Protein backbone atom coordinates (compact mmCIF):
# COMPACT_ATOMS: atom_id res chain seq x y z
CA UNK A 1 18.18 -14.78 6.14
CA UNK A 2 21.42 -12.86 6.34
CA UNK A 3 20.82 -9.75 8.53
CA UNK A 4 22.47 -7.54 5.90
CA UNK A 5 19.74 -8.57 3.42
CA UNK A 6 16.77 -7.80 5.67
CA UNK A 7 15.94 -4.30 4.38
CA UNK A 8 16.26 -5.14 0.69
CA UNK A 9 14.15 -8.32 1.03
CA UNK A 10 11.51 -6.50 3.08
CA UNK A 11 11.26 -3.52 0.71
CA UNK A 12 11.14 -5.82 -2.31
CA UNK A 13 8.41 -7.90 -0.67
CA UNK A 14 6.14 -5.00 0.29
CA UNK A 15 6.50 -3.37 -3.11
CA UNK A 16 5.71 -6.68 -4.83
CA UNK A 17 2.50 -6.82 -2.79
CA UNK A 18 1.56 -3.42 -4.24
CA UNK A 19 1.98 -4.56 -7.87
CA UNK A 20 -1.63 -3.75 -8.84
CA UNK A 21 -1.41 -0.30 -7.28
CA UNK A 22 1.87 1.00 -8.75
CA UNK A 23 3.28 0.79 -12.27
CA UNK A 24 6.74 -0.62 -11.57
CA UNK A 25 9.60 -0.60 -9.10
CA UNK A 26 13.28 -1.39 -9.15
CA UNK A 27 15.62 -1.93 -6.26
CA UNK A 28 18.46 0.56 -6.11
CA UNK A 29 20.93 0.68 -3.23
CA UNK A 30 21.02 -1.36 -0.08
CA UNK A 31 23.17 -1.89 2.96
CA UNK A 32 22.80 -3.55 6.32
CA UNK A 33 21.06 -0.36 7.52
CA UNK A 34 18.69 0.50 4.66
CA UNK A 35 17.30 -0.29 1.21
CA UNK A 36 16.20 2.07 -1.55
CA UNK A 37 13.89 1.54 -4.51
CA UNK A 38 12.65 3.64 -7.41
CA UNK A 39 8.88 3.40 -7.77
CA UNK A 40 6.83 4.53 -10.75
CA UNK A 41 3.42 5.63 -9.49
CA UNK A 42 0.17 5.24 -11.43
CA UNK A 43 0.44 8.95 -12.30
CA UNK A 44 3.77 8.23 -14.04
CA UNK A 45 5.88 10.04 -11.44
CA UNK A 46 9.00 8.26 -10.24
CA UNK A 47 9.76 8.46 -6.53
CA UNK A 48 12.51 7.04 -4.37
CA UNK A 49 11.49 5.08 -1.27
CA UNK A 50 13.92 4.18 1.48
CA UNK A 51 13.34 1.64 4.25
CA UNK A 52 15.36 1.97 7.46
CA UNK A 53 14.90 0.89 11.05
CA UNK A 54 12.72 4.00 11.50
CA UNK A 55 10.29 3.07 8.71
CA UNK A 56 9.54 4.07 5.11
CA UNK A 57 10.30 7.52 3.77
CA UNK A 58 10.52 9.43 0.55
CA UNK A 59 11.64 12.99 -0.17
CA UNK A 60 8.34 13.44 -2.02
CA UNK A 61 6.53 12.81 1.30
CA UNK A 62 8.18 15.90 2.82
CA UNK A 63 10.41 14.01 5.23
CA UNK A 64 7.61 12.16 7.02
CA UNK A 65 8.47 8.63 8.14
CA UNK A 66 5.70 6.07 7.67
CA UNK A 67 5.12 2.79 9.47
CA UNK A 68 3.64 1.18 6.35
CA UNK A 69 4.30 1.36 2.63
CA UNK A 70 0.55 1.78 2.06
CA UNK A 71 0.44 4.98 4.09
CA UNK A 72 3.46 6.41 2.29
CA UNK A 73 2.05 5.59 -1.15
CA UNK A 74 -1.35 7.04 -0.22
CA UNK A 75 0.32 10.29 0.82
CA UNK A 76 2.14 10.79 -2.50
CA UNK A 77 -0.28 9.25 -5.02
CA UNK A 78 -3.97 10.18 -5.26
CA UNK A 79 -4.44 7.45 -7.90
CA UNK A 80 -2.94 4.87 -5.52
CA UNK A 81 -5.41 5.90 -2.83
CA UNK A 82 -8.39 5.70 -5.22
CA UNK A 83 -7.39 2.37 -6.73
CA UNK A 84 -6.63 0.85 -3.30
CA UNK A 85 -10.06 1.97 -2.11
CA UNK A 86 -11.66 0.40 -5.19
CA UNK A 87 -9.74 -2.88 -4.78
CA UNK A 88 -10.75 -3.10 -1.11
CA UNK A 89 -14.42 -2.47 -1.91
CA UNK A 90 -14.35 -5.06 -4.71
CA UNK A 91 -12.86 -7.62 -2.31
CA UNK A 92 -15.50 -6.73 0.27
CA UNK A 93 -18.27 -7.12 -2.32
CA UNK A 94 -16.95 -10.56 -3.31
CA UNK A 95 -16.78 -11.59 0.33
CA UNK A 96 -20.27 -10.36 1.17
CA UNK A 97 -21.76 -11.90 -1.98
CA UNK A 98 -20.74 -15.32 -0.65
CA UNK A 99 -23.06 -14.93 2.34
CA UNK A 100 -26.35 -16.82 2.24
CA UNK A 101 -29.34 -14.81 0.93
CA UNK A 102 -30.91 -14.39 4.38
CA UNK A 103 -27.66 -12.93 5.78
CA UNK A 104 -27.48 -10.19 3.15
CA UNK A 105 -29.51 -7.00 3.05
CA UNK A 106 -28.95 -4.73 6.04
CA UNK A 107 -25.79 -6.53 7.20
CA UNK A 108 -24.17 -6.21 3.78
CA UNK A 109 -25.00 -2.50 3.57
CA UNK A 110 -23.67 -1.91 7.10
CA UNK A 111 -20.38 -3.69 6.34
CA UNK A 112 -19.88 -1.71 3.12
CA UNK A 113 -20.72 1.62 4.81
CA UNK A 114 -18.26 0.83 7.60
CA UNK A 115 -15.52 0.02 5.06
CA UNK A 116 -16.16 3.23 3.12
CA UNK A 117 -16.11 5.30 6.31
CA UNK A 118 -12.88 3.62 7.43
CA UNK A 119 -11.16 4.29 4.08
CA UNK A 120 -12.24 7.95 4.10
CA UNK A 121 -10.55 8.44 7.47
CA UNK A 122 -7.24 6.86 6.38
């Protein structure tokens, strides 16, 4: 990959991975030092996200720089945080339902409680 394309490809990739948790996004400006995208949140608000060598940031996030797109989106979108939590619990339920019947019960409850506790602390 051409080094000047790194930021745009990376931002496009991470936003594509969030497709179920945002409405839409479009890539705006890019250079060898940064990439910018407009993101429509589930609430309908449009925010601008920039990726640089320092991380992800958005003016809507009050100047905080985030290491992950998930943390940035959680900070600006309550609906993102709720839907992400729901998607993670659904995936966990599907995973635990594949266990054999004698492995379920207490273990399944413990795993789910741990996941819920972890998400609440994010």
